[in-house]
PDB file of N, CA and C in Angstrom:
ATOM      1  N   MET A   1     171.170 148.756 122.406  1.00  0.00           N
ATOM      2  CA  MET A   1     170.541 147.460 122.269  1.00  0.00           C
ATOM      3  C   MET A   1     170.166 146.970 123.667  1.00  0.00           C
ATOM      4  N   ARG A   2     169.052 146.348 123.741  1.00  0.00           N
ATOM      5  CA  ARG A   2     168.613 145.808 125.027  1.00  0.00           C
ATOM      6  C   ARG A   2     169.481 144.605 125.392  1.00  0.00           C
ATOM      7  N   PHE A   3     169.667 144.389 126.679  1.00  0.00           N
ATOM      8  CA  PHE A   3     170.454 143.251 127.141  1.00  0.00           C
ATOM      9  C   PHE A   3     169.944 142.811 128.501  1.00  0.00           C
ATOM     10  N   PHE A   4     170.332 141.591 128.863  1.00  0.00           N
ATOM     11  CA  PHE A   4     170.053 141.075 130.194  1.00  0.00           C
ATOM     12  C   PHE A   4     171.217 140.168 130.579  1.00  0.00           C
ATOM     13  N   PHE A   5     171.361 139.911 131.854  1.00  0.00           N
ATOM     14  CA  PHE A   5     172.462 139.096 132.344  1.00  0.00           C
ATOM     15  C   PHE A   5     171.979 137.690 132.660  1.00  0.00           C
ATOM     16  N   ARG A   6     172.667 136.700 132.130  1.00  0.00           N
ATOM     17  CA  ARG A   6     172.397 135.305 132.473  1.00  0.00           C
ATOM     18  C   ARG A   6     173.234 134.899 133.679  1.00  0.00           C
ATOM     19  N   ASN A   7     174.194 135.720 134.032  1.00  0.00           N
ATOM     20  CA  ASN A   7     175.122 135.442 135.111  1.00  0.00           C
ATOM     21  C   ASN A   7     174.909 136.488 136.203  1.00  0.00           C
ATOM     22  N   LYS A   8     174.448 136.062 137.361  1.00  0.00           N
ATOM     23  CA  LYS A   8     174.148 136.993 138.468  1.00  0.00           C
ATOM     24  C   LYS A   8     175.390 137.740 138.939  1.00  0.00           C
ATOM     25  N   LYS A   9     176.554 137.079 138.894  1.00  0.00           N
ATOM     26  CA  LYS A   9     177.788 137.746 139.312  1.00  0.00           C
ATOM     27  C   LYS A   9     178.124 138.910 138.390  1.00  0.00           C
ATOM     28  N   LEU A  10     177.900 138.732 137.092  1.00  0.00           N
ATOM     29  CA  LEU A  10     178.149 139.833 136.160  1.00  0.00           C
ATOM     30  C   LEU A  10     177.130 140.949 136.343  1.00  0.00           C
ATOM     31  N   GLN A  11     175.910 140.589 136.653  1.00  0.00           N
ATOM     32  CA  GLN A  11     174.892 141.613 136.906  1.00  0.00           C
ATOM     33  C   GLN A  11     175.294 142.448 138.121  1.00  0.00           C
ATOM     34  N   LYS A  12     175.796 141.813 139.165  1.00  0.00           N
ATOM     35  CA  LYS A  12     176.246 142.542 140.353  1.00  0.00           C
ATOM     36  C   LYS A  12     177.472 143.389 140.043  1.00  0.00           C
ATOM     37  N   LEU A  13     178.358 142.880 139.178  1.00  0.00           N
ATOM     38  CA  LEU A  13     179.506 143.674 138.753  1.00  0.00           C
ATOM     39  C   LEU A  13     179.031 144.925 138.032  1.00  0.00           C
ATOM     40  N   TYR A  14     178.058 144.767 137.152  1.00  0.00           N
ATOM     41  CA  TYR A  14     177.540 145.890 136.369  1.00  0.00           C
ATOM     42  C   TYR A  14     176.802 146.904 137.239  1.00  0.00           C
ATOM     43  N   THR A  15     176.007 146.442 138.178  1.00  0.00           N
ATOM     44  CA  THR A  15     175.179 147.364 138.962  1.00  0.00           C
ATOM     45  C   THR A  15     175.903 147.930 140.179  1.00  0.00           C
ATOM     46  N   ASP A  16     176.740 147.099 140.833  1.00  0.00           N
ATOM     47  CA  ASP A  16     177.354 147.518 142.102  1.00  0.00           C
ATOM     48  C   ASP A  16     178.878 147.445 142.114  1.00  0.00           C
ATOM     49  N   GLU A  17     179.464 147.015 141.017  1.00  0.00           N
ATOM     50  CA  GLU A  17     180.901 146.736 140.927  1.00  0.00           C
ATOM     51  C   GLU A  17     181.329 145.691 141.951  1.00  0.00           C
ATOM     52  N   ALA A  18     180.391 144.851 142.374  1.00  0.00           N
ATOM     53  CA  ALA A  18     180.697 143.770 143.300  1.00  0.00           C
ATOM     54  C   ALA A  18     181.447 142.666 142.564  1.00  0.00           C
ATOM     55  N   GLY A  19     182.528 142.185 143.147  1.00  0.00           N
ATOM     56  CA  GLY A  19     183.310 141.114 142.534  1.00  0.00           C
ATOM     57  C   GLY A  19     184.356 141.591 141.551  1.00  0.00           C
ATOM     58  N   ALA A  20     184.566 142.895 141.462  1.00  0.00           N
ATOM     59  CA  ALA A  20     185.536 143.437 140.508  1.00  0.00           C
ATOM     60  C   ALA A  20     186.953 142.944 140.789  1.00  0.00           C
ATOM     61  N   GLU A  21     187.214 142.576 142.033  1.00  0.00           N
ATOM     62  CA  GLU A  21     188.567 142.130 142.406  1.00  0.00           C
ATOM     63  C   GLU A  21     188.930 140.794 141.765  1.00  0.00           C
ATOM     64  N   ARG A  22     187.964 140.077 141.203  1.00  0.00           N
ATOM     65  CA  ARG A  22     188.235 138.796 140.535  1.00  0.00           C
ATOM     66  C   ARG A  22     188.952 138.963 139.207  1.00  0.00           C
ATOM     67  N   TYR A  23     188.879 140.158 138.650  1.00  0.00           N
ATOM     68  CA  TYR A  23     189.437 140.415 137.325  1.00  0.00           C
ATOM     69  C   TYR A  23     190.477 141.524 137.411  1.00  0.00           C
ATOM     70  N   PRO A  24     191.427 141.542 136.459  1.00  0.00           N
ATOM     71  CA  PRO A  24     192.341 142.684 136.396  1.00  0.00           C
ATOM     72  C   PRO A  24     191.548 143.982 136.162  1.00  0.00           C
ATOM     73  N   ARG A  25     192.032 145.084 136.702  1.00  0.00           N
ATOM     74  CA  ARG A  25     191.324 146.374 136.602  1.00  0.00           C
ATOM     75  C   ARG A  25     191.042 146.748 135.147  1.00  0.00           C
ATOM     76  N   GLU A  26     191.989 146.495 134.243  1.00  0.00           N
ATOM     77  CA  GLU A  26     191.781 146.862 132.841  1.00  0.00           C
ATOM     78  C   GLU A  26     190.626 146.065 132.226  1.00  0.00           C
ATOM     79  N   VAL A  27     190.405 144.843 132.688  1.00  0.00           N
ATOM     80  CA  VAL A  27     189.293 144.023 132.192  1.00  0.00           C
ATOM     81  C   VAL A  27     187.967 144.592 132.692  1.00  0.00           C
ATOM     82  N   VAL A  28     187.921 144.995 133.947  1.00  0.00           N
ATOM     83  CA  VAL A  28     186.697 145.600 134.502  1.00  0.00           C
ATOM     84  C   VAL A  28     186.382 146.900 133.760  1.00  0.00           C
ATOM     85  N   ASP A  29     187.396 147.723 133.533  1.00  0.00           N
ATOM     86  CA  ASP A  29     187.180 148.970 132.791  1.00  0.00           C
ATOM     87  C   ASP A  29     186.680 148.686 131.378  1.00  0.00           C
ATOM     88  N   ALA A  30     187.288 147.686 130.716  1.00  0.00           N
ATOM     89  CA  ALA A  30     186.864 147.320 129.361  1.00  0.00           C
ATOM     90  C   ALA A  30     185.439 146.775 129.364  1.00  0.00           C
ATOM     91  N   PHE A  31     185.082 146.018 130.410  1.00  0.00           N
ATOM     92  CA  PHE A  31     183.723 145.497 130.537  1.00  0.00           C
ATOM     93  C   PHE A  31     182.709 146.650 130.553  1.00  0.00           C
ATOM     94  N   PHE A  32     182.963 147.664 131.363  1.00  0.00           N
ATOM     95  CA  PHE A  32     182.045 148.800 131.420  1.00  0.00           C
ATOM     96  C   PHE A  32     182.015 149.574 130.101  1.00  0.00           C
ATOM     97  N   ASP A  33     183.158 149.691 129.442  1.00  0.00           N
ATOM     98  CA  ASP A  33     183.191 150.349 128.126  1.00  0.00           C
ATOM     99  C   ASP A  33     182.345 149.578 127.115  1.00  0.00           C
ATOM    100  N   LYS A  34     182.507 148.264 127.093  1.00  0.00           N
ATOM    101  CA  LYS A  34     181.752 147.437 126.139  1.00  0.00           C
ATOM    102  C   LYS A  34     180.264 147.446 126.444  1.00  0.00           C
ATOM    103  N   MET A  35     179.906 147.454 127.732  1.00  0.00           N
ATOM    104  CA  MET A  35     178.494 147.497 128.094  1.00  0.00           C
ATOM    105  C   MET A  35     177.867 148.825 127.657  1.00  0.00           C
ATOM    106  N   ALA A  36     178.619 149.918 127.729  1.00  0.00           N
ATOM    107  CA  ALA A  36     178.115 151.212 127.258  1.00  0.00           C
ATOM    108  C   ALA A  36     177.894 151.180 125.744  1.00  0.00           C
ATOM    109  N   ILE A  37     178.799 150.537 125.021  1.00  0.00           N
ATOM    110  CA  ILE A  37     178.651 150.409 123.566  1.00  0.00           C
ATOM    111  C   ILE A  37     177.434 149.554 123.235  1.00  0.00           C
ATOM    112  N   ILE A  38     177.259 148.451 123.968  1.00  0.00           N
ATOM    113  CA  ILE A  38     176.098 147.581 123.754  1.00  0.00           C
ATOM    114  C   ILE A  38     174.811 148.357 124.008  1.00  0.00           C
ATOM    115  N   ALA A  39     174.757 149.105 125.095  1.00  0.00           N
ATOM    116  CA  ALA A  39     173.552 149.873 125.439  1.00  0.00           C
ATOM    117  C   ALA A  39     173.238 150.926 124.379  1.00  0.00           C
ATOM    118  N   ALA A  40     174.271 151.485 123.757  1.00  0.00           N
ATOM    119  CA  ALA A  40     174.070 152.532 122.752  1.00  0.00           C
ATOM    120  C   ALA A  40     173.726 151.970 121.372  1.00  0.00           C
ATOM    121  N   ALA A  41     174.040 150.700 121.135  1.00  0.00           N
ATOM    122  CA  ALA A  41     173.786 150.095 119.819  1.00  0.00           C
ATOM    123  C   ALA A  41     172.287 149.877 119.622  1.00  0.00           C
ATOM    124  N   SER A  42     171.850 150.008 118.394  1.00  0.00           N
ATOM    125  CA  SER A  42     170.441 149.760 118.100  1.00  0.00           C
ATOM    126  C   SER A  42     170.209 148.345 117.563  1.00  0.00           C
ATOM    127  N   HIS A  43     171.272 147.687 117.118  1.00  0.00           N
ATOM    128  CA  HIS A  43     171.158 146.375 116.486  1.00  0.00           C
ATOM    129  C   HIS A  43     172.510 145.683 116.593  1.00  0.00           C
ATOM    130  N   GLU A  44     172.552 144.356 116.519  1.00  0.00           N
ATOM    131  CA  GLU A  44     173.841 143.679 116.616  1.00  0.00           C
ATOM    132  C   GLU A  44     174.774 144.028 115.466  1.00  0.00           C
ATOM    133  N   ASN A  45     174.235 144.468 114.337  1.00  0.00           N
ATOM    134  CA  ASN A  45     175.095 144.897 113.226  1.00  0.00           C
ATOM    135  C   ASN A  45     175.922 146.119 113.597  1.00  0.00           C
ATOM    136  N   ASP A  46     175.425 146.939 114.523  1.00  0.00           N
ATOM    137  CA  ASP A  46     176.223 148.066 115.013  1.00  0.00           C
ATOM    138  C   ASP A  46     177.469 147.549 115.729  1.00  0.00           C
ATOM    139  N   LEU A  47     177.345 146.425 116.423  1.00  0.00           N
ATOM    140  CA  LEU A  47     178.490 145.831 117.114  1.00  0.00           C
ATOM    141  C   LEU A  47     179.465 145.221 116.111  1.00  0.00           C
ATOM    142  N   ARG A  48     178.936 144.597 115.074  1.00  0.00           N
ATOM    143  CA  ARG A  48     179.801 144.026 114.030  1.00  0.00           C
ATOM    144  C   ARG A  48     180.564 145.117 113.294  1.00  0.00           C
ATOM    145  N   ALA A  49     179.960 146.277 113.130  1.00  0.00           N
ATOM    146  CA  ALA A  49     180.584 147.372 112.393  1.00  0.00           C
ATOM    147  C   ALA A  49     181.795 147.952 113.127  1.00  0.00           C
ATOM    148  N   LEU A  50     181.817 147.835 114.449  1.00  0.00           N
ATOM    149  CA  LEU A  50     182.963 148.316 115.227  1.00  0.00           C
ATOM    150  C   LEU A  50     184.023 147.220 115.261  1.00  0.00           C
ATOM    151  N   LYS A  51     184.948 147.285 114.347  1.00  0.00           N
ATOM    152  CA  LYS A  51     185.956 146.218 114.199  1.00  0.00           C
ATOM    153  C   LYS A  51     186.772 146.014 115.473  1.00  0.00           C
ATOM    154  N   SER A  52     186.955 147.062 116.278  1.00  0.00           N
ATOM    155  CA  SER A  52     187.758 146.944 117.498  1.00  0.00           C
ATOM    156  C   SER A  52     187.108 146.033 118.544  1.00  0.00           C
ATOM    157  N   LEU A  53     185.798 145.790 118.433  1.00  0.00           N
ATOM    158  CA  LEU A  53     185.126 144.890 119.370  1.00  0.00           C
ATOM    159  C   LEU A  53     185.434 143.423 119.094  1.00  0.00           C
ATOM    160  N   HIS A  54     185.787 143.111 117.837  1.00  0.00           N
ATOM    161  CA  HIS A  54     186.008 141.730 117.417  1.00  0.00           C
ATOM    162  C   HIS A  54     184.784 140.876 117.770  1.00  0.00           C
ATOM    163  N   PHE A  55     183.603 141.406 117.428  1.00  0.00           N
ATOM    164  CA  PHE A  55     182.342 140.698 117.680  1.00  0.00           C
ATOM    165  C   PHE A  55     182.260 139.545 116.701  1.00  0.00           C
ATOM    166  N   GLU A  56     182.326 138.318 117.222  1.00  0.00           N
ATOM    167  CA  GLU A  56     182.341 137.168 116.329  1.00  0.00           C
ATOM    168  C   GLU A  56     181.672 135.968 116.970  1.00  0.00           C
ATOM    169  N   LYS A  57     181.126 135.134 116.110  1.00  0.00           N
ATOM    170  CA  LYS A  57     180.486 133.907 116.559  1.00  0.00           C
ATOM    171  C   LYS A  57     181.569 132.920 116.970  1.00  0.00           C
ATOM    172  N   LEU A  58     181.353 132.238 118.098  1.00  0.00           N
ATOM    173  CA  LEU A  58     182.311 131.232 118.539  1.00  0.00           C
ATOM    174  C   LEU A  58     182.243 130.014 117.628  1.00  0.00           C
ATOM    175  N   LYS A  59     183.301 129.267 117.615  1.00  0.00           N
ATOM    176  CA  LYS A  59     183.381 128.082 116.763  1.00  0.00           C
ATOM    177  C   LYS A  59     182.967 126.840 117.539  1.00  0.00           C
ATOM    178  N   GLY A  60     182.677 125.795 116.821  1.00  0.00           N
ATOM    179  CA  GLY A  60     182.360 124.512 117.438  1.00  0.00           C
ATOM    180  C   GLY A  60     180.979 124.486 118.062  1.00  0.00           C
ATOM    181  N   GLU A  61     180.866 123.702 119.119  1.00  0.00           N
ATOM    182  CA  GLU A  61     179.576 123.488 119.785  1.00  0.00           C
ATOM    183  C   GLU A  61     178.981 124.788 120.309  1.00  0.00           C
ATOM    184  N   ARG A  62     179.818 125.645 120.876  1.00  0.00           N
ATOM    185  CA  ARG A  62     179.299 126.908 121.427  1.00  0.00           C
ATOM    186  C   ARG A  62     178.770 127.808 120.312  1.00  0.00           C
ATOM    187  N   GLY A  63     179.417 127.794 119.180  1.00  0.00           N
ATOM    188  CA  GLY A  63     178.911 128.554 118.041  1.00  0.00           C
ATOM    189  C   GLY A  63     177.585 128.015 117.558  1.00  0.00           C
ATOM    190  N   ASN A  64     177.438 126.694 117.602  1.00  0.00           N
ATOM    191  CA  ASN A  64     176.177 126.067 117.211  1.00  0.00           C
ATOM    192  C   ASN A  64     175.043 126.457 118.162  1.00  0.00           C
ATOM    193  N   ARG A  65     175.392 126.778 119.409  1.00  0.00           N
ATOM    194  CA  ARG A  65     174.382 127.210 120.383  1.00  0.00           C
ATOM    195  C   ARG A  65     174.146 128.713 120.324  1.00  0.00           C
ATOM    196  N   GLY A  66     174.805 129.411 119.377  1.00  0.00           N
ATOM    197  CA  GLY A  66     174.569 130.836 119.202  1.00  0.00           C
ATOM    198  C   GLY A  66     175.363 131.739 120.128  1.00  0.00           C
ATOM    199  N   HIS A  67     176.527 131.287 120.573  1.00  0.00           N
ATOM    200  CA  HIS A  67     177.368 132.098 121.439  1.00  0.00           C
ATOM    201  C   HIS A  67     178.311 132.962 120.604  1.00  0.00           C
ATOM    202  N   TYR A  68     178.483 134.197 121.049  1.00  0.00           N
ATOM    203  CA  TYR A  68     179.361 135.168 120.401  1.00  0.00           C
ATOM    204  C   TYR A  68     180.320 135.710 121.445  1.00  0.00           C
ATOM    205  N   SER A  69     181.400 136.356 120.982  1.00  0.00           N
ATOM    206  CA  SER A  69     182.309 136.995 121.925  1.00  0.00           C
ATOM    207  C   SER A  69     182.656 138.400 121.462  1.00  0.00           C
ATOM    208  N   LEU A  70     182.970 139.242 122.435  1.00  0.00           N
ATOM    209  CA  LEU A  70     183.502 140.579 122.218  1.00  0.00           C
ATOM    210  C   LEU A  70     184.809 140.644 122.982  1.00  0.00           C
ATOM    211  N   ARG A  71     185.832 141.191 122.384  1.00  0.00           N
ATOM    212  CA  ARG A  71     187.143 141.227 123.010  1.00  0.00           C
ATOM    213  C   ARG A  71     187.211 142.336 124.057  1.00  0.00           C
ATOM    214  N   LEU A  72     187.625 141.968 125.275  1.00  0.00           N
ATOM    215  CA  LEU A  72     187.866 142.961 126.327  1.00  0.00           C
ATOM    216  C   LEU A  72     189.331 143.386 126.323  1.00  0.00           C
ATOM    217  N   ASN A  73     190.230 142.448 126.117  1.00  0.00           N
ATOM    218  CA  ASN A  73     191.649 142.710 125.879  1.00  0.00           C
ATOM    219  C   ASN A  73     192.203 141.483 125.160  1.00  0.00           C
ATOM    220  N   LYS A  74     193.510 141.349 125.088  1.00  0.00           N
ATOM    221  CA  LYS A  74     194.073 140.207 124.358  1.00  0.00           C
ATOM    222  C   LYS A  74     193.736 138.870 125.007  1.00  0.00           C
ATOM    223  N   GLN A  75     193.468 138.884 126.308  1.00  0.00           N
ATOM    224  CA  GLN A  75     193.269 137.640 127.040  1.00  0.00           C
ATOM    225  C   GLN A  75     191.808 137.352 127.389  1.00  0.00           C
ATOM    226  N   TYR A  76     191.001 138.376 127.640  1.00  0.00           N
ATOM    227  CA  TYR A  76     189.634 138.187 128.135  1.00  0.00           C
ATOM    228  C   TYR A  76     188.591 138.534 127.085  1.00  0.00           C
ATOM    229  N   ARG A  77     187.500 137.760 127.102  1.00  0.00           N
ATOM    230  CA  ARG A  77     186.369 137.981 126.195  1.00  0.00           C
ATOM    231  C   ARG A  77     185.076 138.068 126.996  1.00  0.00           C
ATOM    232  N   LEU A  78     184.144 138.843 126.493  1.00  0.00           N
ATOM    233  CA  LEU A  78     182.784 138.888 127.023  1.00  0.00           C
ATOM    234  C   LEU A  78     181.952 138.012 126.105  1.00  0.00           C
ATOM    235  N   THR A  79     181.357 136.946 126.630  1.00  0.00           N
ATOM    236  CA  THR A  79     180.548 136.051 125.798  1.00  0.00           C
ATOM    237  C   THR A  79     179.077 136.405 125.945  1.00  0.00           C
ATOM    238  N   VAL A  80     178.371 136.345 124.814  1.00  0.00           N
ATOM    239  CA  VAL A  80     176.969 136.759 124.752  1.00  0.00           C
ATOM    240  C   VAL A  80     176.199 135.836 123.820  1.00  0.00           C
ATOM    241  N   THR A  81     174.883 135.921 123.883  1.00  0.00           N
ATOM    242  CA  THR A  81     173.995 135.295 122.908  1.00  0.00           C
ATOM    243  C   THR A  81     173.084 136.373 122.344  1.00  0.00           C
ATOM    244  N   ILE A  82     172.575 136.153 121.148  1.00  0.00           N
ATOM    245  CA  ILE A  82     171.579 137.046 120.556  1.00  0.00           C
ATOM    246  C   ILE A  82     170.247 136.328 120.652  1.00  0.00           C
ATOM    247  N   GLU A  83     169.304 136.947 121.320  1.00  0.00           N
ATOM    248  CA  GLU A  83     168.005 136.329 121.535  1.00  0.00           C
ATOM    249  C   GLU A  83     166.907 137.254 121.028  1.00  0.00           C
ATOM    250  N   THR A  84     165.709 136.707 120.916  1.00  0.00           N
ATOM    251  CA  THR A  84     164.569 137.463 120.421  1.00  0.00           C
ATOM    252  C   THR A  84     163.405 137.294 121.386  1.00  0.00           C
ATOM    253  N   ASP A  85     162.700 138.391 121.639  1.00  0.00           N
ATOM    254  CA  ASP A  85     161.471 138.326 122.429  1.00  0.00           C
ATOM    255  C   ASP A  85     160.401 139.119 121.682  1.00  0.00           C
ATOM    256  N   ASP A  86     159.306 139.431 122.339  1.00  0.00           N
ATOM    257  CA  ASP A  86     158.203 140.150 121.694  1.00  0.00           C
ATOM    258  C   ASP A  86     158.583 141.550 121.232  1.00  0.00           C
ATOM    259  N   HIS A  87     159.642 142.109 121.795  1.00  0.00           N
ATOM    260  CA  HIS A  87     160.057 143.478 121.472  1.00  0.00           C
ATOM    261  C   HIS A  87     161.237 143.526 120.516  1.00  0.00           C
ATOM    262  N   GLY A  88     161.700 142.382 120.044  1.00  0.00           N
ATOM    263  CA  GLY A  88     162.820 142.343 119.110  1.00  0.00           C
ATOM    264  C   GLY A  88     164.016 141.611 119.683  1.00  0.00           C
ATOM    265  N   LYS A  89     165.203 141.957 119.174  1.00  0.00           N
ATOM    266  CA  LYS A  89     166.431 141.277 119.582  1.00  0.00           C
ATOM    267  C   LYS A  89     167.025 141.915 120.824  1.00  0.00           C
ATOM    268  N   LEU A  90     167.717 141.064 121.603  1.00  0.00           N
ATOM    269  CA  LEU A  90     168.436 141.528 122.774  1.00  0.00           C
ATOM    270  C   LEU A  90     169.630 140.618 123.005  1.00  0.00           C
ATOM    271  N   LEU A  91     170.611 141.111 123.728  1.00  0.00           N
ATOM    272  CA  LEU A  91     171.797 140.320 124.034  1.00  0.00           C
ATOM    273  C   LEU A  91     171.664 139.700 125.416  1.00  0.00           C
ATOM    274  N   GLY A  92     171.996 138.427 125.508  1.00  0.00           N
ATOM    275  CA  GLY A  92     172.127 137.759 126.797  1.00  0.00           C
ATOM    276  C   GLY A  92     173.599 137.761 127.159  1.00  0.00           C
ATOM    277  N   ILE A  93     173.957 138.426 128.245  1.00  0.00           N
ATOM    278  CA  ILE A  93     175.353 138.518 128.669  1.00  0.00           C
ATOM    279  C   ILE A  93     175.670 137.272 129.486  1.00  0.00           C
ATOM    280  N   LEU A  94     176.601 136.439 128.980  1.00  0.00           N
ATOM    281  CA  LEU A  94     176.886 135.152 129.607  1.00  0.00           C
ATOM    282  C   LEU A  94     178.009 135.215 130.640  1.00  0.00           C
ATOM    283  N   ASP A  95     179.187 135.686 130.231  1.00  0.00           N
ATOM    284  CA  ASP A  95     180.324 135.582 131.134  1.00  0.00           C
ATOM    285  C   ASP A  95     181.506 136.398 130.611  1.00  0.00           C
ATOM    286  N   ILE A  96     182.456 136.639 131.507  1.00  0.00           N
ATOM    287  CA  ILE A  96     183.771 137.134 131.139  1.00  0.00           C
ATOM    288  C   ILE A  96     184.685 135.917 131.204  1.00  0.00           C
ATOM    289  N   GLU A  97     185.364 135.610 130.095  1.00  0.00           N
ATOM    290  CA  GLU A  97     186.166 134.389 130.036  1.00  0.00           C
ATOM    291  C   GLU A  97     187.609 134.689 129.724  1.00  0.00           C
ATOM    292  N   ASP A  98     188.474 133.950 130.389  1.00  0.00           N
ATOM    293  CA  ASP A  98     189.914 134.008 130.146  1.00  0.00           C
ATOM    294  C   ASP A  98     190.210 133.032 129.005  1.00  0.00           C
ATOM    295  N   TYR A  99     190.661 133.542 127.871  1.00  0.00           N
ATOM    296  CA  TYR A  99     190.886 132.698 126.708  1.00  0.00           C
ATOM    297  C   TYR A  99     192.279 132.101 126.645  1.00  0.00           C
ATOM    298  N   HIS A 100     193.106 132.338 127.675  1.00  0.00           N
ATOM    299  CA  HIS A 100     194.473 131.775 127.664  1.00  0.00           C
ATOM    300  C   HIS A 100     194.680 130.909 128.861  1.00  0.00           C
TER     301      HIS A 100
END
């Protein structure tokens, strides 16, 4: 699935591993694993089908704005949006968030 980064720090983490020291190593490793899964998916339903991702719409105001999360570990989530352009759907990668 196509994606783009709304967060420049995450884009630098993805391209250069810059800023990796801000997160626990297991979170950085999980981030790269999840990004590989996202890149290989053809549609967001492929992400929903992988139950281990825990791909789910956020609740409340953020859910109303179309924010979703994928679990990186028990504590950290990768937040995304599903957007549409002339070529179809793509994911906007928002942030890595500490949920505790």
